[in-house]
Amino acid sequence: MAYPVALGEALRDELGLDGQGRLLDVGCGPGSLTLLLAPYFTEAVGVDADGDMLDVAAARADQVGVPNAVWRQLRAEELPGDLGTFQVVAFAQSFHWMDQALVAGLVRGMLAPSGAWVHVGATTHRGIEGIAELPHPRPPWDRIDELVARYLGPVRRAGQGVLPTGTRPGEEEVMRAAGYAGPTRLIVGGNEIEDRTVDDVVASVFSLSSSTPHLFGADRAAFEADLRDLLTDAADNGLFAEQRREIEAVVWR
């Protein structure tokens, strides 16, 4: 599900964004946050280790008319990569996959003197679990997770990293040790109801670092066929509904 416009507006107001300066979005995936924030900067640079994700991001930039976004295939641990300095460096649902201490230190040297690190924490591929009545059934996420695990194994992975127990704790300690001050926390959105198609849910599954298409290798087509069968059986005339979660943006300076 797309990040809400309110997220960009909240960051604009907090950071005093005025269309100047440069944005770096690290682990940008298909460009969801990059494209939302690009209008607040002269240039937006999205970097990701997955070239296929960057192809999608570039295509989406053309579709929505964002001319100031550029894309580089790069692992976060390979920064600064001659990219220069930035007013804002953003991480959206990506920092937990990285060598956090190394990346925090590398990015510190890429920030302009008045720059800020923004960490967006959200679960935008799936909504709130619960029993509240919705206009259509919720996607069967437990069964989707089981299907992914059947193909890829039980340990979540992305690029060269694995997370046996999920997201790492201790990110605030990492940031303070790297010399950052803060944080300031912004909370936006939450509780909106959104209809989703089978295609939307398939795209959500493939948008995750832990189930990005290349991880399936030769089994990608078989996995997608099984996933679509599962979703078609569970949908209401091809539709699901989800209640959106709140999104938190954590700002460090």
C-alpha atoms as a PDB file:
ATOM      1  CA  MET A   1       0.000   0.000   0.000  1.00  0.00           C
ATOM      2  CA  ALA A   2       1.294   3.445  -0.906  1.00  0.00           C
ATOM      3  CA  TYR A   3       2.688   5.720   1.776  1.00  0.00           C
ATOM      4  CA  PRO A   4       0.101   8.410   2.566  1.00  0.00           C
ATOM      5  CA  VAL A   5       0.605  11.976   1.362  1.00  0.00           C
ATOM      6  CA  ALA A   6       0.443  12.976   5.040  1.00  0.00           C
ATOM      7  CA  LEU A   7       3.835  11.317   5.613  1.00  0.00           C
ATOM      8  CA  GLY A   8       5.523  13.590   3.099  1.00  0.00           C
ATOM      9  CA  GLU A   9       3.751  16.620   4.508  1.00  0.00           C
ATOM     10  CA  ALA A  10       4.798  15.783   8.072  1.00  0.00           C
ATOM     11  CA  LEU A  11       8.442  15.402   7.032  1.00  0.00           C
ATOM     12  CA  ARG A  12       8.255  18.612   4.991  1.00  0.00           C
ATOM     13  CA  ASP A  13       7.053  20.537   8.022  1.00  0.00           C
ATOM     14  CA  GLU A  14       9.468  18.913  10.502  1.00  0.00           C
ATOM     15  CA  LEU A  15      12.540  19.315   8.299  1.00  0.00           C
ATOM     16  CA  GLY A  16      11.647  22.610   6.611  1.00  0.00           C
ATOM     17  CA  LEU A  17      11.840  21.098   3.131  1.00  0.00           C
ATOM     18  CA  ASP A  18      11.458  23.739   0.416  1.00  0.00           C
ATOM     19  CA  GLY A  19      12.337  22.030  -2.862  1.00  0.00           C
ATOM     20  CA  GLN A  20      16.081  22.519  -2.399  1.00  0.00           C
ATOM     21  CA  GLY A  21      18.812  20.069  -1.457  1.00  0.00           C
ATOM     22  CA  ARG A  22      19.132  16.368  -2.236  1.00  0.00           C
ATOM     23  CA  LEU A  23      17.450  13.224  -0.896  1.00  0.00           C
ATOM     24  CA  LEU A  24      19.074   9.790  -0.640  1.00  0.00           C
ATOM     25  CA  ASP A  25      16.725   6.838  -0.112  1.00  0.00           C
ATOM     26  CA  VAL A  26      18.754   3.773   0.945  1.00  0.00           C
ATOM     27  CA  GLY A  27      17.204   0.384   0.213  1.00  0.00           C
ATOM     28  CA  CYS A  28      14.592   2.170  -1.860  1.00  0.00           C
ATOM     29  CA  GLY A  29      13.029  -0.975  -3.389  1.00  0.00           C
ATOM     30  CA  PRO A  30      10.397   0.041  -5.971  1.00  0.00           C
ATOM     31  CA  GLY A  31      10.737   3.710  -5.027  1.00  0.00           C
ATOM     32  CA  SER A  32       7.689   4.069  -2.810  1.00  0.00           C
ATOM     33  CA  LEU A  33       9.215   6.608  -0.419  1.00  0.00           C
ATOM     34  CA  THR A  34      11.603   8.129  -2.970  1.00  0.00           C
ATOM     35  CA  LEU A  35       8.775   9.185  -5.264  1.00  0.00           C
ATOM     36  CA  LEU A  36       6.661  10.525  -2.408  1.00  0.00           C
ATOM     37  CA  LEU A  37       9.465  12.794  -1.164  1.00  0.00           C
ATOM     38  CA  ALA A  38      11.125  13.716  -4.472  1.00  0.00           C
ATOM     39  CA  PRO A  39       8.998  16.876  -5.034  1.00  0.00           C
ATOM     40  CA  TYR A  40      10.471  18.382  -1.852  1.00  0.00           C
ATOM     41  CA  PHE A  41      14.046  18.255  -3.241  1.00  0.00           C
ATOM     42  CA  THR A  42      16.112  19.315  -6.235  1.00  0.00           C
ATOM     43  CA  GLU A  43      17.194  15.698  -6.733  1.00  0.00           C
ATOM     44  CA  ALA A  44      16.186  12.354  -5.216  1.00  0.00           C
ATOM     45  CA  VAL A  45      18.600   9.416  -5.424  1.00  0.00           C
ATOM     46  CA  GLY A  46      17.310   5.906  -4.759  1.00  0.00           C
ATOM     47  CA  VAL A  47      19.812   3.105  -4.135  1.00  0.00           C
ATOM     48  CA  ASP A  48      19.074  -0.584  -3.787  1.00  0.00           C
ATOM     49  CA  ALA A  49      21.003  -3.837  -4.130  1.00  0.00           C
ATOM     50  CA  ASP A  50      18.279  -5.316  -6.356  1.00  0.00           C
ATOM     51  CA  GLY A  51      18.402  -4.149  -9.965  1.00  0.00           C
ATOM     52  CA  ASP A  52      14.902  -5.427 -10.721  1.00  0.00           C
ATOM     53  CA  MET A  53      13.493  -3.249  -7.945  1.00  0.00           C
ATOM     54  CA  LEU A  54      15.237  -0.235  -9.463  1.00  0.00           C
ATOM     55  CA  ASP A  55      13.755  -1.010 -12.881  1.00  0.00           C
ATOM     56  CA  VAL A  56      10.299  -0.903 -11.304  1.00  0.00           C
ATOM     57  CA  ALA A  57      11.152   2.337  -9.490  1.00  0.00           C
ATOM     58  CA  ALA A  58      12.310   4.000 -12.725  1.00  0.00           C
ATOM     59  CA  ALA A  59       9.168   2.895 -14.553  1.00  0.00           C
ATOM     60  CA  ARG A  60       6.977   4.228 -11.755  1.00  0.00           C
ATOM     61  CA  ALA A  61       8.813   7.562 -11.791  1.00  0.00           C
ATOM     62  CA  ASP A  62       7.979   7.902 -15.483  1.00  0.00           C
ATOM     63  CA  GLN A  63       4.360   6.916 -14.897  1.00  0.00           C
ATOM     64  CA  VAL A  64       3.737   9.464 -12.145  1.00  0.00           C
ATOM     65  CA  GLY A  65       5.827  12.219 -13.725  1.00  0.00           C
ATOM     66  CA  VAL A  66       8.726  12.549 -11.269  1.00  0.00           C
ATOM     67  CA  PRO A  67      11.636  13.877 -13.364  1.00  0.00           C
ATOM     68  CA  ASN A  68      14.202  14.492 -10.625  1.00  0.00           C
ATOM     69  CA  ALA A  69      14.687  10.896  -9.391  1.00  0.00           C
ATOM     70  CA  VAL A  70      17.782   8.870 -10.294  1.00  0.00           C
ATOM     71  CA  TRP A  71      18.592   5.285  -9.396  1.00  0.00           C
ATOM     72  CA  ARG A  72      21.807   3.452  -8.498  1.00  0.00           C
ATOM     73  CA  GLN A  73      22.339  -0.253  -7.838  1.00  0.00           C
ATOM     74  CA  LEU A  74      24.382  -0.269  -4.654  1.00  0.00           C
ATOM     75  CA  ARG A  75      24.441  -2.022  -1.314  1.00  0.00           C
ATOM     76  CA  ALA A  76      24.206   0.264   1.698  1.00  0.00           C
ATOM     77  CA  GLU A  77      27.537  -1.068   2.945  1.00  0.00           C
ATOM     78  CA  GLU A  78      29.145   0.262  -0.273  1.00  0.00           C
ATOM     79  CA  LEU A  79      28.242   3.878   0.451  1.00  0.00           C
ATOM     80  CA  PRO A  80      29.203   6.661  -0.113  1.00  0.00           C
ATOM     81  CA  GLY A  81      29.769   5.463  -3.682  1.00  0.00           C
ATOM     82  CA  ASP A  82      30.709   8.952  -4.972  1.00  0.00           C
ATOM     83  CA  LEU A  83      27.107  10.065  -4.461  1.00  0.00           C
ATOM     84  CA  GLY A  84      27.974  13.311  -2.699  1.00  0.00           C
ATOM     85  CA  THR A  85      26.187  14.955   0.214  1.00  0.00           C
ATOM     86  CA  PHE A  86      22.499  15.076   1.060  1.00  0.00           C
ATOM     87  CA  GLN A  87      20.052  17.151   3.053  1.00  0.00           C
ATOM     88  CA  VAL A  88      18.073  14.035   4.012  1.00  0.00           C
ATOM     89  CA  VAL A  89      19.034  10.364   3.981  1.00  0.00           C
ATOM     90  CA  ALA A  90      16.023   8.088   4.371  1.00  0.00           C
ATOM     91  CA  PHE A  91      15.580   4.424   5.196  1.00  0.00           C
ATOM     92  CA  ALA A  92      12.127   2.884   4.802  1.00  0.00           C
ATOM     93  CA  GLN A  93      11.719  -0.634   6.194  1.00  0.00           C
ATOM     94  CA  SER A  94      15.299  -1.425   5.173  1.00  0.00           C
ATOM     95  CA  PHE A  95      17.846  -0.521   7.882  1.00  0.00           C
ATOM     96  CA  HIS A  96      17.289  -3.729   9.849  1.00  0.00           C
ATOM     97  CA  TRP A  97      18.760  -5.766   6.963  1.00  0.00           C
ATOM     98  CA  MET A  98      22.048  -3.885   6.977  1.00  0.00           C
ATOM     99  CA  ASP A  99      25.299  -3.783   8.914  1.00  0.00           C
ATOM    100  CA  GLN A 100      23.780  -1.049  11.022  1.00  0.00           C
ATOM    101  CA  ALA A 101      26.867   0.304  12.782  1.00  0.00           C
ATOM    102  CA  LEU A 102      28.818   0.476   9.520  1.00  0.00           C
ATOM    103  CA  VAL A 103      25.997   2.101   7.541  1.00  0.00           C
ATOM    104  CA  ALA A 104      25.182   4.618  10.290  1.00  0.00           C
ATOM    105  CA  GLY A 105      28.799   5.763  10.274  1.00  0.00           C
ATOM    106  CA  LEU A 106      29.027   5.942   6.490  1.00  0.00           C
ATOM    107  CA  VAL A 107      25.842   7.987   6.192  1.00  0.00           C
ATOM    108  CA  ARG A 108      26.991  10.384   8.913  1.00  0.00           C
ATOM    109  CA  GLY A 109      29.711  11.542   6.565  1.00  0.00           C
ATOM    110  CA  MET A 110      27.231  12.046   3.700  1.00  0.00           C
ATOM    111  CA  LEU A 111      24.877  14.420   5.512  1.00  0.00           C
ATOM    112  CA  ALA A 112      25.033  18.161   4.954  1.00  0.00           C
ATOM    113  CA  PRO A 113      25.732  20.164   8.148  1.00  0.00           C
ATOM    114  CA  SER A 114      22.001  20.773   8.683  1.00  0.00           C
ATOM    115  CA  GLY A 115      20.994  17.371   7.338  1.00  0.00           C
ATOM    116  CA  ALA A 116      18.824  14.677   8.877  1.00  0.00           C
ATOM    117  CA  TRP A 117      18.489  10.900   8.857  1.00  0.00           C
ATOM    118  CA  VAL A 118      14.886   9.717   8.522  1.00  0.00           C
ATOM    119  CA  HIS A 119      13.914   6.158   9.392  1.00  0.00           C
ATOM    120  CA  VAL A 120      10.379   5.252   8.297  1.00  0.00           C
ATOM    121  CA  GLY A 121       9.008   2.295  10.200  1.00  0.00           C
ATOM    122  CA  ALA A 122       5.849   0.795   8.786  1.00  0.00           C
ATOM    123  CA  THR A 123       4.241  -2.376   7.571  1.00  0.00           C
ATOM    124  CA  THR A 124       2.774  -1.205   4.289  1.00  0.00           C
ATOM    125  CA  HIS A 125       2.497  -4.571   2.592  1.00  0.00           C
ATOM    126  CA  ARG A 126      -0.189  -5.738   5.029  1.00  0.00           C
ATOM    127  CA  GLY A 127      -2.772  -4.187   7.295  1.00  0.00           C
ATOM    128  CA  ILE A 128      -3.819  -4.524  10.908  1.00  0.00           C
ATOM    129  CA  GLU A 129      -4.787  -7.960  12.128  1.00  0.00           C
ATOM    130  CA  GLY A 130      -8.087  -8.131  13.955  1.00  0.00           C
ATOM    131  CA  ILE A 131     -11.705  -9.141  13.939  1.00  0.00           C
ATOM    132  CA  ALA A 132     -13.274  -5.813  12.924  1.00  0.00           C
ATOM    133  CA  GLU A 133     -15.682  -6.329  10.047  1.00  0.00           C
ATOM    134  CA  LEU A 134     -14.376  -5.142   6.674  1.00  0.00           C
ATOM    135  CA  PRO A 135     -16.147  -4.940   3.300  1.00  0.00           C
ATOM    136  CA  HIS A 136     -14.076  -7.869   1.968  1.00  0.00           C
ATOM    137  CA  PRO A 137     -11.986 -10.602   3.596  1.00  0.00           C
ATOM    138  CA  ARG A 138      -8.460  -9.830   4.732  1.00  0.00           C
ATOM    139  CA  PRO A 139      -5.665 -11.433   2.709  1.00  0.00           C
ATOM    140  CA  PRO A 140      -4.689 -14.796   4.267  1.00  0.00           C
ATOM    141  CA  TRP A 141      -1.273 -13.596   5.416  1.00  0.00           C
ATOM    142  CA  ASP A 142      -0.524 -16.581   7.653  1.00  0.00           C
ATOM    143  CA  ARG A 143      -1.030 -18.917   4.712  1.00  0.00           C
ATOM    144  CA  ILE A 144       0.995 -16.607   2.449  1.00  0.00           C
ATOM    145  CA  ASP A 145       3.869 -16.683   4.957  1.00  0.00           C
ATOM    146  CA  GLU A 146       3.668 -20.471   5.083  1.00  0.00           C
ATOM    147  CA  LEU A 147       3.836 -20.634   1.283  1.00  0.00           C
ATOM    148  CA  VAL A 148       6.897 -18.357   1.182  1.00  0.00           C
ATOM    149  CA  ALA A 149       8.580 -20.480   3.848  1.00  0.00           C
ATOM    150  CA  ARG A 150       7.817 -23.630   1.877  1.00  0.00           C
ATOM    151  CA  TYR A 151       9.785 -22.256  -1.061  1.00  0.00           C
ATOM    152  CA  LEU A 152      12.512 -20.246   0.717  1.00  0.00           C
ATOM    153  CA  GLY A 153      12.805 -21.824   4.151  1.00  0.00           C
ATOM    154  CA  PRO A 154      11.845 -20.394   7.548  1.00  0.00           C
ATOM    155  CA  VAL A 155      14.665 -17.803   7.899  1.00  0.00           C
ATOM    156  CA  ARG A 156      13.917 -14.361   6.497  1.00  0.00           C
ATOM    157  CA  ARG A 157      16.650 -13.115   4.190  1.00  0.00           C
ATOM    158  CA  ALA A 158      17.567 -10.216   1.926  1.00  0.00           C
ATOM    159  CA  GLY A 159      20.656  -9.802  -0.218  1.00  0.00           C
ATOM    160  CA  GLN A 160      23.592 -11.123   1.819  1.00  0.00           C
ATOM    161  CA  GLY A 161      21.812 -10.869   5.178  1.00  0.00           C
ATOM    162  CA  VAL A 162      19.500 -13.089   7.197  1.00  0.00           C
ATOM    163  CA  LEU A 163      17.232 -12.369  10.177  1.00  0.00           C
ATOM    164  CA  PRO A 164      16.552 -15.615  12.052  1.00  0.00           C
ATOM    165  CA  THR A 165      14.377 -13.878  14.664  1.00  0.00           C
ATOM    166  CA  GLY A 166      13.037 -10.912  12.691  1.00  0.00           C
ATOM    167  CA  THR A 167      13.896  -7.210  13.082  1.00  0.00           C
ATOM    168  CA  ARG A 168      16.936  -6.463  15.244  1.00  0.00           C
ATOM    169  CA  PRO A 169      16.626  -4.505  18.492  1.00  0.00           C
ATOM    170  CA  GLY A 170      19.002  -1.768  19.576  1.00  0.00           C
ATOM    171  CA  GLU A 171      18.822   0.636  16.628  1.00  0.00           C
ATOM    172  CA  GLU A 172      18.741   3.695  18.917  1.00  0.00           C
ATOM    173  CA  GLU A 173      22.001   2.619  20.568  1.00  0.00           C
ATOM    174  CA  VAL A 174      23.581   2.203  17.140  1.00  0.00           C
ATOM    175  CA  MET A 175      22.540   5.701  16.104  1.00  0.00           C
ATOM    176  CA  ARG A 176      23.799   7.376  19.273  1.00  0.00           C
ATOM    177  CA  ALA A 177      27.104   5.529  19.066  1.00  0.00           C
ATOM    178  CA  ALA A 178      27.520   6.878  15.513  1.00  0.00           C
ATOM    179  CA  GLY A 179      27.092  10.439  16.779  1.00  0.00           C
ATOM    180  CA  TYR A 180      23.462  11.192  15.972  1.00  0.00           C
ATOM    181  CA  ALA A 181      21.199  13.220  18.266  1.00  0.00           C
ATOM    182  CA  GLY A 182      17.513  12.573  18.797  1.00  0.00           C
ATOM    183  CA  PRO A 183      15.216  11.089  17.925  1.00  0.00           C
ATOM    184  CA  THR A 184      12.126  13.071  17.016  1.00  0.00           C
ATOM    185  CA  ARG A 185       9.153  10.811  16.286  1.00  0.00           C
ATOM    186  CA  LEU A 186       6.303  11.587  13.885  1.00  0.00           C
ATOM    187  CA  ILE A 187       3.178   9.404  13.685  1.00  0.00           C
ATOM    188  CA  VAL A 188       0.831   9.653  10.709  1.00  0.00           C
ATOM    189  CA  GLY A 189      -2.104   7.758   9.262  1.00  0.00           C
ATOM    190  CA  GLY A 190      -3.668   4.558  10.484  1.00  0.00           C
ATOM    191  CA  ASN A 191      -7.093   2.896  10.435  1.00  0.00           C
ATOM    192  CA  GLU A 192      -8.048   3.813   6.851  1.00  0.00           C
ATOM    193  CA  ILE A 193      -9.756   0.947   4.971  1.00  0.00           C
ATOM    194  CA  GLU A 194      -8.276   0.048   1.598  1.00  0.00           C
ATOM    195  CA  ASP A 195      -9.525  -2.421  -1.010  1.00  0.00           C
ATOM    196  CA  ARG A 196      -6.841  -4.644  -2.542  1.00  0.00           C
ATOM    197  CA  THR A 197      -6.878  -6.921  -5.560  1.00  0.00           C
ATOM    198  CA  VAL A 198      -5.127 -10.241  -6.020  1.00  0.00           C
ATOM    199  CA  ASP A 199      -2.535  -8.411  -8.135  1.00  0.00           C
ATOM    200  CA  ASP A 200      -2.002  -5.886  -5.321  1.00  0.00           C
ATOM    201  CA  VAL A 201      -1.263  -8.626  -2.795  1.00  0.00           C
ATOM    202  CA  VAL A 202       1.041 -10.498  -5.191  1.00  0.00           C
ATOM    203  CA  ALA A 203       2.942  -7.241  -5.745  1.00  0.00           C
ATOM    204  CA  SER A 204       3.167  -6.718  -1.979  1.00  0.00           C
ATOM    205  CA  VAL A 205       4.689 -10.150  -1.451  1.00  0.00           C
ATOM    206  CA  PHE A 206       7.272  -9.627  -4.201  1.00  0.00           C
ATOM    207  CA  SER A 207       8.079  -6.095  -2.951  1.00  0.00           C
ATOM    208  CA  LEU A 208       9.502  -7.457   0.314  1.00  0.00           C
ATOM    209  CA  SER A 209      13.255  -7.895   0.616  1.00  0.00           C
ATOM    210  CA  SER A 210      12.638 -11.327   2.141  1.00  0.00           C
ATOM    211  CA  SER A 211      10.543 -12.553  -0.816  1.00  0.00           C
ATOM    212  CA  THR A 212      11.811 -10.488  -3.736  1.00  0.00           C
ATOM    213  CA  PRO A 213      11.457 -12.374  -7.038  1.00  0.00           C
ATOM    214  CA  HIS A 214      15.111 -13.304  -7.583  1.00  0.00           C
ATOM    215  CA  LEU A 215      15.224 -15.255  -4.304  1.00  0.00           C
ATOM    216  CA  PHE A 216      12.927 -17.890  -5.833  1.00  0.00           C
ATOM    217  CA  GLY A 217      15.234 -18.557  -8.773  1.00  0.00           C
ATOM    218  CA  ALA A 218      13.834 -21.172 -11.127  1.00  0.00           C
ATOM    219  CA  ASP A 219      10.838 -21.661  -8.789  1.00  0.00           C
ATOM    220  CA  ARG A 220       9.521 -18.122  -9.230  1.00  0.00           C
ATOM    221  CA  ALA A 221       6.764 -19.029 -11.722  1.00  0.00           C
ATOM    222  CA  ALA A 222       5.636 -22.015  -9.637  1.00  0.00           C
ATOM    223  CA  PHE A 223       5.545 -19.904  -6.468  1.00  0.00           C
ATOM    224  CA  GLU A 224       3.532 -17.154  -8.154  1.00  0.00           C
ATOM    225  CA  ALA A 225       1.064 -19.679  -9.557  1.00  0.00           C
ATOM    226  CA  ASP A 226       0.573 -21.220  -6.094  1.00  0.00           C
ATOM    227  CA  LEU A 227       0.233 -17.755  -4.555  1.00  0.00           C
ATOM    228  CA  ARG A 228      -2.389 -16.670  -7.077  1.00  0.00           C
ATOM    229  CA  ASP A 229      -4.361 -19.883  -6.565  1.00  0.00           C
ATOM    230  CA  LEU A 230      -4.315 -19.305  -2.801  1.00  0.00           C
ATOM    231  CA  LEU A 231      -5.441 -15.687  -3.143  1.00  0.00           C
ATOM    232  CA  THR A 232      -8.120 -16.349  -5.755  1.00  0.00           C
ATOM    233  CA  ASP A 233      -9.716 -18.969  -3.512  1.00  0.00           C
ATOM    234  CA  ALA A 234      -9.680 -16.603  -0.509  1.00  0.00           C
ATOM    235  CA  ALA A 235     -10.854 -13.396  -2.243  1.00  0.00           C
ATOM    236  CA  ASP A 236     -14.356 -11.972  -2.546  1.00  0.00           C
ATOM    237  CA  ASN A 237     -14.807 -11.655  -6.314  1.00  0.00           C
ATOM    238  CA  GLY A 238     -11.108 -10.858  -6.587  1.00  0.00           C
ATOM    239  CA  LEU A 239     -11.058  -8.338  -3.727  1.00  0.00           C
ATOM    240  CA  PHE A 240      -9.624  -8.134  -0.234  1.00  0.00           C
ATOM    241  CA  ALA A 241      -9.782  -5.297   2.294  1.00  0.00           C
ATOM    242  CA  GLU A 242      -7.272  -4.160   4.899  1.00  0.00           C
ATOM    243  CA  GLN A 243      -7.134  -1.601   7.678  1.00  0.00           C
ATOM    244  CA  ARG A 244      -3.957   0.461   7.328  1.00  0.00           C
ATOM    245  CA  ARG A 245      -1.396   0.700  10.104  1.00  0.00           C
ATOM    246  CA  GLU A 246       0.093   3.862  11.549  1.00  0.00           C
ATOM    247  CA  ILE A 247       3.418   4.956  10.077  1.00  0.00           C
ATOM    248  CA  GLU A 248       6.242   6.230  12.266  1.00  0.00           C
ATOM    249  CA  ALA A 249       9.036   8.454  10.964  1.00  0.00           C
ATOM    250  CA  VAL A 250      12.030   8.725  13.285  1.00  0.00           C
ATOM    251  CA  VAL A 251      14.312  11.717  12.675  1.00  0.00           C
ATOM    252  CA  TRP A 252      17.952  11.832  13.776  1.00  0.00           C
ATOM    253  CA  ARG A 253      20.300  14.777  13.300  1.00  0.00           C
END
